Amino acid sequence: MQKLAKDLTVNLGADKPGALAKATDAIAKAGINLEGYAEMSGTLHALTEDAPRTRRALEDAGMGLADERDVLV
Protein backbone atom coordinates (compact mmCIF):
# COMPACT_ATOMS: atom_id res chain seq x y z
CA MET A 1 0.00 0.00 0.00
CA GLN A 2 1.34 3.43 -0.92
CA LYS A 3 1.32 6.41 1.42
CA LEU A 4 2.58 9.97 1.38
CA ALA A 5 5.40 10.95 3.73
CA LYS A 6 7.87 13.81 4.06
CA ASP A 7 11.59 13.70 3.35
CA LEU A 8 13.26 16.31 5.53
CA THR A 9 16.79 17.30 4.52
CA VAL A 10 18.92 18.36 7.48
CA ASN A 11 22.42 19.81 7.30
CA LEU A 12 24.25 18.18 10.22
CA GLY A 13 27.18 20.55 9.95
CA ALA A 14 30.62 19.01 10.14
CA ASP A 15 30.64 15.28 9.39
CA LYS A 16 31.82 14.17 12.81
CA PRO A 17 30.91 11.54 15.42
CA GLY A 18 27.67 12.33 17.23
CA ALA A 19 26.11 14.60 14.59
CA LEU A 20 23.68 11.95 13.34
CA ALA A 21 22.94 10.81 16.90
CA LYS A 22 21.99 14.37 17.91
CA ALA A 23 19.38 14.56 15.13
CA THR A 24 17.91 11.09 15.62
CA ASP A 25 17.89 11.54 19.41
CA ALA A 26 15.90 14.78 19.07
CA ILE A 27 13.37 13.01 16.83
CA ALA A 28 13.09 10.01 19.17
CA LYS A 29 12.67 12.17 22.29
CA ALA A 30 9.73 13.87 20.56
CA GLY A 31 8.11 10.44 20.17
CA ILE A 32 8.32 10.50 16.38
CA ASN A 33 8.98 7.35 14.35
CA LEU A 34 11.46 7.53 11.50
CA GLU A 35 10.11 5.62 8.53
CA GLY A 36 13.58 5.69 6.99
CA TYR A 37 16.74 7.73 6.80
CA ALA A 38 19.99 8.17 4.91
CA GLU A 39 23.07 10.17 5.86
CA MET A 40 25.80 11.15 3.43
CA SER A 41 28.62 13.64 3.98
CA GLY A 42 26.91 15.53 6.78
CA THR A 43 23.44 15.62 5.21
CA LEU A 44 20.57 13.66 6.75
CA HIS A 45 17.43 12.69 4.86
CA ALA A 46 14.76 11.79 7.44
CA LEU A 47 11.53 10.19 6.25
CA THR A 48 8.58 10.77 8.59
CA GLU A 49 4.80 10.98 8.52
CA ASP A 50 4.75 13.90 10.99
CA ALA A 51 6.81 16.64 9.36
CA PRO A 52 5.67 19.56 11.56
CA ARG A 53 6.63 17.82 14.82
CA THR A 54 9.86 16.49 13.30
CA ARG A 55 10.80 19.96 12.06
CA ARG A 56 10.08 21.44 15.49
CA ALA A 57 12.13 18.73 17.28
CA LEU A 58 15.12 19.35 15.00
CA GLU A 59 14.86 23.12 15.32
CA ASP A 60 14.63 22.83 19.12
CA ALA A 61 17.87 20.82 18.97
CA GLY A 62 19.53 23.66 17.03
CA MET A 63 19.30 22.03 13.62
CA GLY A 64 17.63 23.70 10.66
CA LEU A 65 16.05 22.14 7.61
CA ALA A 66 17.59 22.64 4.20
CA ASP A 67 14.61 21.16 2.29
CA GLU A 68 11.29 19.36 2.70
CA ARG A 69 9.70 17.19 0.01
CA ASP A 70 6.66 14.98 -0.35
CA VAL A 71 7.58 11.39 -1.21
CA LEU A 72 5.48 8.37 -2.06
CA VAL A 73 6.36 5.35 0.03
PDB file of N, CA and C in Angstrom:
ATOM      1  N   MET A   1       0.835  -1.173   0.000  1.00  0.00           N
ATOM      2  CA  MET A   1       0.000   0.000   0.000  1.00  0.00           C
ATOM      3  C   MET A   1       0.884   1.242   0.000  1.00  0.00           C
ATOM      4  N   GLN A   2       0.568   2.201  -0.824  1.00  0.00           N
ATOM      5  CA  GLN A   2       1.341   3.431  -0.922  1.00  0.00           C
ATOM      6  C   GLN A   2       0.802   4.476   0.031  1.00  0.00           C
ATOM      7  N   LYS A   3       1.728   5.304   0.545  1.00  0.00           N
ATOM      8  CA  LYS A   3       1.320   6.405   1.415  1.00  0.00           C
ATOM      9  C   LYS A   3       2.250   7.572   1.174  1.00  0.00           C
ATOM     10  N   LEU A   4       1.794   8.757   1.543  1.00  0.00           N
ATOM     11  CA  LEU A   4       2.575   9.970   1.379  1.00  0.00           C
ATOM     12  C   LEU A   4       3.312  10.267   2.679  1.00  0.00           C
ATOM     13  N   ALA A   5       4.585  10.582   2.572  1.00  0.00           N
ATOM     14  CA  ALA A   5       5.400  10.949   3.735  1.00  0.00           C
ATOM     15  C   ALA A   5       6.235  12.161   3.351  1.00  0.00           C
ATOM     16  N   LYS A   6       6.992  12.664   4.300  1.00  0.00           N
ATOM     17  CA  LYS A   6       7.866  13.809   4.058  1.00  0.00           C
ATOM     18  C   LYS A   6       9.316  13.382   4.193  1.00  0.00           C
ATOM     19  N   ASP A   7      10.140  13.858   3.275  1.00  0.00           N
ATOM     20  CA  ASP A   7      11.588  13.698   3.349  1.00  0.00           C
ATOM     21  C   ASP A   7      12.142  15.041   3.784  1.00  0.00           C
ATOM     22  N   LEU A   8      12.680  15.092   5.005  1.00  0.00           N
ATOM     23  CA  LEU A   8      13.262  16.312   5.530  1.00  0.00           C
ATOM     24  C   LEU A   8      14.769  16.248   5.366  1.00  0.00           C
ATOM     25  N   THR A   9      15.343  17.240   4.720  1.00  0.00           N
ATOM     26  CA  THR A   9      16.789  17.301   4.517  1.00  0.00           C
ATOM     27  C   THR A   9      17.387  18.206   5.583  1.00  0.00           C
ATOM     28  N   VAL A  10      18.319  17.647   6.349  1.00  0.00           N
ATOM     29  CA  VAL A  10      18.916  18.358   7.477  1.00  0.00           C
ATOM     30  C   VAL A  10      20.423  18.434   7.273  1.00  0.00           C
ATOM     31  N   ASN A  11      20.966  19.635   7.351  1.00  0.00           N
ATOM     32  CA  ASN A  11      22.417  19.805   7.296  1.00  0.00           C
ATOM     33  C   ASN A  11      22.947  19.574   8.709  1.00  0.00           C
ATOM     34  N   LEU A  12      23.726  18.528   8.902  1.00  0.00           N
ATOM     35  CA  LEU A  12      24.245  18.183  10.220  1.00  0.00           C
ATOM     36  C   LEU A  12      25.488  18.979  10.588  1.00  0.00           C
ATOM     37  N   GLY A  13      25.952  19.809   9.690  1.00  0.00           N
ATOM     38  CA  GLY A  13      27.183  20.549   9.952  1.00  0.00           C
ATOM     39  C   GLY A  13      28.379  19.685   9.605  1.00  0.00           C
ATOM     40  N   ALA A  14      29.418  19.799  10.384  1.00  0.00           N
ATOM     41  CA  ALA A  14      30.624  19.010  10.135  1.00  0.00           C
ATOM     42  C   ALA A  14      30.301  17.524  10.272  1.00  0.00           C
ATOM     43  N   ASP A  15      30.839  16.729   9.361  1.00  0.00           N
ATOM     44  CA  ASP A  15      30.637  15.281   9.386  1.00  0.00           C
ATOM     45  C   ASP A  15      31.556  14.704  10.467  1.00  0.00           C
ATOM     46  N   LYS A  16      31.010  14.629  11.689  1.00  0.00           N
ATOM     47  CA  LYS A  16      31.821  14.166  12.812  1.00  0.00           C
ATOM     48  C   LYS A  16      30.993  13.250  13.704  1.00  0.00           C
ATOM     49  N   PRO A  17      31.634  12.453  14.542  1.00  0.00           N
ATOM     50  CA  PRO A  17      30.906  11.542  15.423  1.00  0.00           C
ATOM     51  C   PRO A  17      29.902  12.296  16.298  1.00  0.00           C
ATOM     52  N   GLY A  18      28.704  11.758  16.390  1.00  0.00           N
ATOM     53  CA  GLY A  18      27.666  12.330  17.227  1.00  0.00           C
ATOM     54  C   GLY A  18      26.677  13.221  16.511  1.00  0.00           C
ATOM     55  N   ALA A  19      27.003  13.691  15.313  1.00  0.00           N
ATOM     56  CA  ALA A  19      26.108  14.596  14.590  1.00  0.00           C
ATOM     57  C   ALA A  19      24.794  13.896  14.225  1.00  0.00           C
ATOM     58  N   LEU A  20      24.878  12.710  13.698  1.00  0.00           N
ATOM     59  CA  LEU A  20      23.679  11.953  13.337  1.00  0.00           C
ATOM     60  C   LEU A  20      22.898  11.582  14.594  1.00  0.00           C
ATOM     61  N   ALA A  21      23.597  11.191  15.646  1.00  0.00           N
ATOM     62  CA  ALA A  21      22.945  10.813  16.901  1.00  0.00           C
ATOM     63  C   ALA A  21      22.164  11.984  17.484  1.00  0.00           C
ATOM     64  N   LYS A  22      22.681  13.189  17.383  1.00  0.00           N
ATOM     65  CA  LYS A  22      21.991  14.367  17.907  1.00  0.00           C
ATOM     66  C   LYS A  22      20.642  14.539  17.209  1.00  0.00           C
ATOM     67  N   ALA A  23      20.624  14.395  15.892  1.00  0.00           N
ATOM     68  CA  ALA A  23      19.384  14.561  15.135  1.00  0.00           C
ATOM     69  C   ALA A  23      18.389  13.441  15.431  1.00  0.00           C
ATOM     70  N   THR A  24      18.833  12.200  15.390  1.00  0.00           N
ATOM     71  CA  THR A  24      17.912  11.085  15.620  1.00  0.00           C
ATOM     72  C   THR A  24      17.443  11.057  17.069  1.00  0.00           C
ATOM     73  N   ASP A  25      18.284  11.478  18.004  1.00  0.00           N
ATOM     74  CA  ASP A  25      17.885  11.542  19.407  1.00  0.00           C
ATOM     75  C   ASP A  25      16.791  12.588  19.605  1.00  0.00           C
ATOM     76  N   ALA A  26      16.919  13.730  18.960  1.00  0.00           N
ATOM     77  CA  ALA A  26      15.898  14.777  19.068  1.00  0.00           C
ATOM     78  C   ALA A  26      14.557  14.278  18.528  1.00  0.00           C
ATOM     79  N   ILE A  27      14.592  13.555  17.425  1.00  0.00           N
ATOM     80  CA  ILE A  27      13.371  13.009  16.828  1.00  0.00           C
ATOM     81  C   ILE A  27      12.752  11.955  17.751  1.00  0.00           C
ATOM     82  N   ALA A  28      13.586  11.070  18.287  1.00  0.00           N
ATOM     83  CA  ALA A  28      13.093  10.008  19.175  1.00  0.00           C
ATOM     84  C   ALA A  28      12.509  10.577  20.462  1.00  0.00           C
ATOM     85  N   LYS A  29      13.165  11.571  21.043  1.00  0.00           N
ATOM     86  CA  LYS A  29      12.668  12.165  22.293  1.00  0.00           C
ATOM     87  C   LYS A  29      11.315  12.852  22.099  1.00  0.00           C
ATOM     88  N   ALA A  30      11.025  13.262  20.866  1.00  0.00           N
ATOM     89  CA  ALA A  30       9.728  13.869  20.559  1.00  0.00           C
ATOM     90  C   ALA A  30       8.661  12.808  20.305  1.00  0.00           C
ATOM     91  N   GLY A  31       9.053  11.532  20.366  1.00  0.00           N
ATOM     92  CA  GLY A  31       8.105  10.441  20.166  1.00  0.00           C
ATOM     93  C   GLY A  31       7.713  10.218  18.723  1.00  0.00           C
ATOM     94  N   ILE A  32       8.604  10.596  17.812  1.00  0.00           N
ATOM     95  CA  ILE A  32       8.323  10.497  16.380  1.00  0.00           C
ATOM     96  C   ILE A  32       9.067   9.296  15.808  1.00  0.00           C
ATOM     97  N   ASN A  33       8.377   8.513  14.994  1.00  0.00           N
ATOM     98  CA  ASN A  33       8.978   7.354  14.352  1.00  0.00           C
ATOM     99  C   ASN A  33       9.596   7.749  13.016  1.00  0.00           C
ATOM    100  N   LEU A  34      10.831   7.355  12.807  1.00  0.00           N
ATOM    101  CA  LEU A  34      11.462   7.532  11.501  1.00  0.00           C
ATOM    102  C   LEU A  34      11.061   6.356  10.620  1.00  0.00           C
ATOM    103  N   GLU A  35      10.480   6.659   9.488  1.00  0.00           N
ATOM    104  CA  GLU A  35      10.107   5.618   8.528  1.00  0.00           C
ATOM    105  C   GLU A  35      11.330   5.143   7.751  1.00  0.00           C
ATOM    106  N   GLY A  36      12.332   6.017   7.667  1.00  0.00           N
ATOM    107  CA  GLY A  36      13.580   5.693   6.986  1.00  0.00           C
ATOM    108  C   GLY A  36      14.509   6.881   7.063  1.00  0.00           C
ATOM    109  N   TYR A  37      15.780   6.631   6.808  1.00  0.00           N
ATOM    110  CA  TYR A  37      16.743   7.734   6.801  1.00  0.00           C
ATOM    111  C   TYR A  37      17.964   7.335   5.991  1.00  0.00           C
ATOM    112  N   ALA A  38      18.700   8.358   5.578  1.00  0.00           N
ATOM    113  CA  ALA A  38      19.988   8.172   4.910  1.00  0.00           C
ATOM    114  C   ALA A  38      20.858   9.354   5.298  1.00  0.00           C
ATOM    115  N   GLU A  39      22.135   9.098   5.531  1.00  0.00           N
ATOM    116  CA  GLU A  39      23.072  10.166   5.862  1.00  0.00           C
ATOM    117  C   GLU A  39      24.279  10.031   4.960  1.00  0.00           C
ATOM    118  N   MET A  40      24.640  11.141   4.318  1.00  0.00           N
ATOM    119  CA  MET A  40      25.801  11.153   3.434  1.00  0.00           C
ATOM    120  C   MET A  40      26.510  12.484   3.582  1.00  0.00           C
ATOM    121  N   SER A  41      27.768  12.435   3.937  1.00  0.00           N
ATOM    122  CA  SER A  41      28.618  13.636   3.981  1.00  0.00           C
ATOM    123  C   SER A  41      28.019  14.789   4.773  1.00  0.00           C
ATOM    124  N   GLY A  42      27.433  14.482   5.928  1.00  0.00           N
ATOM    125  CA  GLY A  42      26.906  15.533   6.776  1.00  0.00           C
ATOM    126  C   GLY A  42      25.507  16.004   6.441  1.00  0.00           C
ATOM    127  N   THR A  43      24.823  15.293   5.554  1.00  0.00           N
ATOM    128  CA  THR A  43      23.439  15.622   5.205  1.00  0.00           C
ATOM    129  C   THR A  43      22.553  14.433   5.554  1.00  0.00           C
ATOM    130  N   LEU A  44      21.523  14.697   6.345  1.00  0.00           N
ATOM    131  CA  LEU A  44      20.573  13.663   6.750  1.00  0.00           C
ATOM    132  C   LEU A  44      19.280  13.835   5.976  1.00  0.00           C
ATOM    133  N   HIS A  45      18.770  12.736   5.441  1.00  0.00           N
ATOM    134  CA  HIS A  45      17.426  12.692   4.865  1.00  0.00           C
ATOM    135  C   HIS A  45      16.600  11.847   5.823  1.00  0.00           C
ATOM    136  N   ALA A  46      15.617  12.474   6.468  1.00  0.00           N
ATOM    137  CA  ALA A  46      14.764  11.789   7.435  1.00  0.00           C
ATOM    138  C   ALA A  46      13.356  11.676   6.858  1.00  0.00           C
ATOM    139  N   LEU A  47      12.854  10.456   6.789  1.00  0.00           N
ATOM    140  CA  LEU A  47      11.525  10.189   6.248  1.00  0.00           C
ATOM    141  C   LEU A  47      10.572   9.989   7.412  1.00  0.00           C
ATOM    142  N   THR A  48       9.528  10.824   7.481  1.00  0.00           N
ATOM    143  CA  THR A  48       8.585  10.773   8.593  1.00  0.00           C
ATOM    144  C   THR A  48       7.187  11.116   8.108  1.00  0.00           C
ATOM    145  N   GLU A  49       6.188  10.651   8.850  1.00  0.00           N
ATOM    146  CA  GLU A  49       4.798  10.984   8.523  1.00  0.00           C
ATOM    147  C   GLU A  49       4.336  12.240   9.249  1.00  0.00           C
ATOM    148  N   ASP A  50       5.128  12.725  10.208  1.00  0.00           N
ATOM    149  CA  ASP A  50       4.752  13.898  10.990  1.00  0.00           C
ATOM    150  C   ASP A  50       5.804  14.994  10.831  1.00  0.00           C
ATOM    151  N   ALA A  51       5.800  15.636   9.683  1.00  0.00           N
ATOM    152  CA  ALA A  51       6.813  16.641   9.359  1.00  0.00           C
ATOM    153  C   ALA A  51       6.797  17.838  10.308  1.00  0.00           C
ATOM    154  N   PRO A  52       5.640  18.386  10.675  1.00  0.00           N
ATOM    155  CA  PRO A  52       5.668  19.560  11.562  1.00  0.00           C
ATOM    156  C   PRO A  52       6.344  19.273  12.914  1.00  0.00           C
ATOM    157  N   ARG A  53       6.008  18.154  13.526  1.00  0.00           N
ATOM    158  CA  ARG A  53       6.631  17.817  14.817  1.00  0.00           C
ATOM    159  C   ARG A  53       8.108  17.487  14.646  1.00  0.00           C
ATOM    160  N   THR A  54       8.458  16.824  13.552  1.00  0.00           N
ATOM    161  CA  THR A  54       9.862  16.493  13.303  1.00  0.00           C
ATOM    162  C   THR A  54      10.666  17.764  13.096  1.00  0.00           C
ATOM    163  N   ARG A  55      10.133  18.676  12.303  1.00  0.00           N
ATOM    164  CA  ARG A  55      10.796  19.959  12.058  1.00  0.00           C
ATOM    165  C   ARG A  55      11.023  20.702  13.373  1.00  0.00           C
ATOM    166  N   ARG A  56       9.986  20.745  14.212  1.00  0.00           N
ATOM    167  CA  ARG A  56      10.078  21.435  15.494  1.00  0.00           C
ATOM    168  C   ARG A  56      11.123  20.779  16.403  1.00  0.00           C
ATOM    169  N   ALA A  57      11.155  19.452  16.444  1.00  0.00           N
ATOM    170  CA  ALA A  57      12.128  18.734  17.279  1.00  0.00           C
ATOM    171  C   ALA A  57      13.553  19.035  16.826  1.00  0.00           C
ATOM    172  N   LEU A  58      13.779  19.060  15.519  1.00  0.00           N
ATOM    173  CA  LEU A  58      15.116  19.350  14.996  1.00  0.00           C
ATOM    174  C   LEU A  58      15.504  20.801  15.260  1.00  0.00           C
ATOM    175  N   GLU A  59      14.570  21.715  15.069  1.00  0.00           N
ATOM    176  CA  GLU A  59      14.860  23.124  15.323  1.00  0.00           C
ATOM    177  C   GLU A  59      15.140  23.373  16.804  1.00  0.00           C
ATOM    178  N   ASP A  60      14.393  22.703  17.686  1.00  0.00           N
ATOM    179  CA  ASP A  60      14.631  22.828  19.125  1.00  0.00           C
ATOM    180  C   ASP A  60      16.011  22.304  19.515  1.00  0.00           C
ATOM    181  N   ALA A  61      16.540  21.373  18.720  1.00  0.00           N
ATOM    182  CA  ALA A  61      17.873  20.817  18.968  1.00  0.00           C
ATOM    183  C   ALA A  61      18.960  21.655  18.289  1.00  0.00           C
ATOM    184  N   GLY A  62      18.558  22.780  17.671  1.00  0.00           N
ATOM    185  CA  GLY A  62      19.526  23.663  17.033  1.00  0.00           C
ATOM    186  C   GLY A  62      19.890  23.285  15.616  1.00  0.00           C
ATOM    187  N   MET A  63      19.034  22.475  14.988  1.00  0.00           N
ATOM    188  CA  MET A  63      19.297  22.030  13.621  1.00  0.00           C
ATOM    189  C   MET A  63      18.205  22.565  12.710  1.00  0.00           C
ATOM    190  N   GLY A  64      18.605  23.160  11.609  1.00  0.00           N
ATOM    191  CA  GLY A  64      17.633  23.697  10.664  1.00  0.00           C
ATOM    192  C   GLY A  64      17.454  22.788   9.467  1.00  0.00           C
ATOM    193  N   LEU A  65      16.330  22.929   8.808  1.00  0.00           N
ATOM    194  CA  LEU A  65      16.052  22.142   7.609  1.00  0.00           C
ATOM    195  C   LEU A  65      16.564  22.860   6.376  1.00  0.00           C
ATOM    196  N   ALA A  66      17.141  22.102   5.468  1.00  0.00           N
ATOM    197  CA  ALA A  66      17.591  22.639   4.196  1.00  0.00           C
ATOM    198  C   ALA A  66      16.503  22.482   3.134  1.00  0.00           C
ATOM    199  N   ASP A  67      15.637  21.442   3.301  1.00  0.00           N
ATOM    200  CA  ASP A  67      14.614  21.165   2.293  1.00  0.00           C
ATOM    201  C   ASP A  67      13.564  20.240   2.892  1.00  0.00           C
ATOM    202  N   GLU A  68      12.382  20.256   2.300  1.00  0.00           N
ATOM    203  CA  GLU A  68      11.293  19.363   2.697  1.00  0.00           C
ATOM    204  C   GLU A  68      10.538  18.981   1.444  1.00  0.00           C
ATOM    205  N   ARG A  69      10.367  17.667   1.242  1.00  0.00           N
ATOM    206  CA  ARG A  69       9.705  17.192   0.015  1.00  0.00           C
ATOM    207  C   ARG A  69       8.697  16.099   0.330  1.00  0.00           C
ATOM    208  N   ASP A  70       7.606  16.091  -0.429  1.00  0.00           N
ATOM    209  CA  ASP A  70       6.664  14.982  -0.350  1.00  0.00           C
ATOM    210  C   ASP A  70       7.260  13.803  -1.098  1.00  0.00           C
ATOM    211  N   VAL A  71       7.116  12.603  -0.535  1.00  0.00           N
ATOM    212  CA  VAL A  71       7.576  11.394  -1.205  1.00  0.00           C
ATOM    213  C   VAL A  71       6.505  10.324  -1.072  1.00  0.00           C
ATOM    214  N   LEU A  72       6.423   9.484  -2.062  1.00  0.00           N
ATOM    215  CA  LEU A  72       5.477   8.372  -2.064  1.00  0.00           C
ATOM    216  C   LEU A  72       6.222   7.131  -1.594  1.00  0.00           C
ATOM    217  N   VAL A  73       5.711   6.515  -0.554  1.00  0.00           N
ATOM    218  CA  VAL A  73       6.359   5.347   0.029  1.00  0.00           C
ATOM    219  C   VAL A  73       5.517   4.118  -0.295  1.00  0.00           C
TER     220      VAL A  73
END
